[in-house]
Amino acid sequence: MREDELDALLEVIPDVRDGLTRTERIILYVLNETQRELKGRNVPTVMLYGRVLEYVNISEQELHLYLDRLGVKGDGQP
């Protein structure tokens, strides 16, 4: 297996400790850090997307799928 294939595989395999993929963990980390910067206010999805792109290359649609899977509600919904 080539190194780039291995890296791609590691991106989507859930970690045995908590079941999160690397991308899911990055999204949650960036969301937490941004909420701290905004003093607990809701993080606009566009802002979150821009900051997540600094770590991982995903489309906007993929971000929304990850957020849904993680149970993160957007647009101020409970």
C-alpha atoms as a PDB file:
ATOM      1  CA  MET A   1       0.000   0.000   0.000  1.00  0.00           C
ATOM      2  CA  ARG A   2       1.376   3.414  -0.975  1.00  0.00           C
ATOM      3  CA  GLU A   3       1.778   6.138   1.630  1.00  0.00           C
ATOM      4  CA  ASP A   4      -0.896   8.384   0.070  1.00  0.00           C
ATOM      5  CA  GLU A   5      -3.351   5.477   0.042  1.00  0.00           C
ATOM      6  CA  LEU A   6      -2.608   4.806   3.689  1.00  0.00           C
ATOM      7  CA  ASP A   7      -3.122   8.477   4.582  1.00  0.00           C
ATOM      8  CA  ALA A   8      -6.467   8.500   2.741  1.00  0.00           C
ATOM      9  CA  LEU A   9      -7.528   5.357   4.574  1.00  0.00           C
ATOM     10  CA  LEU A  10      -6.560   6.774   7.965  1.00  0.00           C
ATOM     11  CA  GLU A  11      -8.766   9.812   7.282  1.00  0.00           C
ATOM     12  CA  VAL A  12     -11.949   7.713   7.209  1.00  0.00           C
ATOM     13  CA  ILE A  13     -11.284   4.935   9.726  1.00  0.00           C
ATOM     14  CA  PRO A  14     -12.867   5.671  13.122  1.00  0.00           C
ATOM     15  CA  ASP A  15     -10.526   5.709  16.104  1.00  0.00           C
ATOM     16  CA  VAL A  16     -11.148   2.810  18.484  1.00  0.00           C
ATOM     17  CA  ARG A  17     -11.073   5.091  21.540  1.00  0.00           C
ATOM     18  CA  ASP A  18     -14.140   7.144  20.660  1.00  0.00           C
ATOM     19  CA  GLY A  19     -15.339   6.159  17.192  1.00  0.00           C
ATOM     20  CA  LEU A  20     -14.471   9.540  15.662  1.00  0.00           C
ATOM     21  CA  THR A  21     -12.609   9.914  12.415  1.00  0.00           C
ATOM     22  CA  ARG A  22      -9.715  12.356  12.124  1.00  0.00           C
ATOM     23  CA  THR A  23     -11.960  14.790  10.213  1.00  0.00           C
ATOM     24  CA  GLU A  24     -14.702  14.628  12.845  1.00  0.00           C
ATOM     25  CA  ARG A  25     -12.152  15.284  15.576  1.00  0.00           C
ATOM     26  CA  ILE A  26     -10.793  18.302  13.660  1.00  0.00           C
ATOM     27  CA  ILE A  27     -14.293  19.724  13.182  1.00  0.00           C
ATOM     28  CA  LEU A  28     -15.095  19.410  16.887  1.00  0.00           C
ATOM     29  CA  TYR A  29     -11.745  20.929  17.872  1.00  0.00           C
ATOM     30  CA  VAL A  30     -12.168  23.903  15.526  1.00  0.00           C
ATOM     31  CA  LEU A  31     -15.776  24.389  16.661  1.00  0.00           C
ATOM     32  CA  ASN A  32     -14.722  24.406  20.328  1.00  0.00           C
ATOM     33  CA  GLU A  33     -11.841  26.838  19.737  1.00  0.00           C
ATOM     34  CA  THR A  34     -14.039  29.182  17.707  1.00  0.00           C
ATOM     35  CA  GLN A  35     -16.793  29.132  20.351  1.00  0.00           C
ATOM     36  CA  ARG A  36     -14.199  30.073  22.958  1.00  0.00           C
ATOM     37  CA  GLU A  37     -13.026  32.990  20.803  1.00  0.00           C
ATOM     38  CA  LEU A  38     -16.630  34.133  20.361  1.00  0.00           C
ATOM     39  CA  LYS A  39     -17.234  33.802  24.121  1.00  0.00           C
ATOM     40  CA  GLY A  40     -19.809  31.009  23.789  1.00  0.00           C
ATOM     41  CA  ARG A  41     -21.809  32.509  20.946  1.00  0.00           C
ATOM     42  CA  ASN A  42     -22.987  30.348  18.082  1.00  0.00           C
ATOM     43  CA  VAL A  43     -20.413  29.817  15.356  1.00  0.00           C
ATOM     44  CA  PRO A  44     -21.635  30.655  11.849  1.00  0.00           C
ATOM     45  CA  THR A  45     -21.277  27.635   9.583  1.00  0.00           C
ATOM     46  CA  VAL A  46     -19.398  29.682   6.999  1.00  0.00           C
ATOM     47  CA  MET A  47     -16.814  30.684   9.614  1.00  0.00           C
ATOM     48  CA  LEU A  48     -16.483  27.100  10.811  1.00  0.00           C
ATOM     49  CA  TYR A  49     -16.086  25.861   7.243  1.00  0.00           C
ATOM     50  CA  GLY A  50     -13.330  28.370   6.512  1.00  0.00           C
ATOM     51  CA  ARG A  51     -11.419  27.403   9.618  1.00  0.00           C
ATOM     52  CA  VAL A  52     -11.852  23.662   9.068  1.00  0.00           C
ATOM     53  CA  LEU A  53     -10.396  24.088   5.566  1.00  0.00           C
ATOM     54  CA  GLU A  54      -7.124  25.139   7.189  1.00  0.00           C
ATOM     55  CA  TYR A  55      -6.774  21.534   8.429  1.00  0.00           C
ATOM     56  CA  VAL A  56      -8.625  19.294   5.978  1.00  0.00           C
ATOM     57  CA  ASN A  57      -9.948  19.660   2.426  1.00  0.00           C
ATOM     58  CA  ILE A  58     -13.693  18.922   2.410  1.00  0.00           C
ATOM     59  CA  SER A  59     -16.653  20.379   0.567  1.00  0.00           C
ATOM     60  CA  GLU A  60     -19.383  22.414   2.233  1.00  0.00           C
ATOM     61  CA  GLN A  61     -21.794  19.527   1.724  1.00  0.00           C
ATOM     62  CA  GLU A  62     -19.381  17.142   3.460  1.00  0.00           C
ATOM     63  CA  LEU A  63     -19.109  19.527   6.406  1.00  0.00           C
ATOM     64  CA  HIS A  64     -22.889  19.556   6.750  1.00  0.00           C
ATOM     65  CA  LEU A  65     -22.950  15.747   6.671  1.00  0.00           C
ATOM     66  CA  TYR A  66     -20.302  15.595   9.391  1.00  0.00           C
ATOM     67  CA  LEU A  67     -22.173  18.159  11.498  1.00  0.00           C
ATOM     68  CA  ASP A  68     -25.390  16.163  11.159  1.00  0.00           C
ATOM     69  CA  ARG A  69     -23.590  12.951  12.121  1.00  0.00           C
ATOM     70  CA  LEU A  70     -22.015  14.678  15.141  1.00  0.00           C
ATOM     71  CA  GLY A  71     -25.371  16.063  16.251  1.00  0.00           C
ATOM     72  CA  VAL A  72     -24.326  19.697  15.768  1.00  0.00           C
ATOM     73  CA  LYS A  73     -27.304  21.863  14.907  1.00  0.00           C
ATOM     74  CA  GLY A  74     -26.905  24.866  12.654  1.00  0.00           C
ATOM     75  CA  ASP A  75     -28.781  28.143  12.209  1.00  0.00           C
ATOM     76  CA  GLY A  76     -29.469  28.544  15.908  1.00  0.00           C
ATOM     77  CA  GLN A  77     -31.616  25.410  16.131  1.00  0.00           C
ATOM     78  CA  PRO A  78     -31.659  23.521  19.473  1.00  0.00           C
END
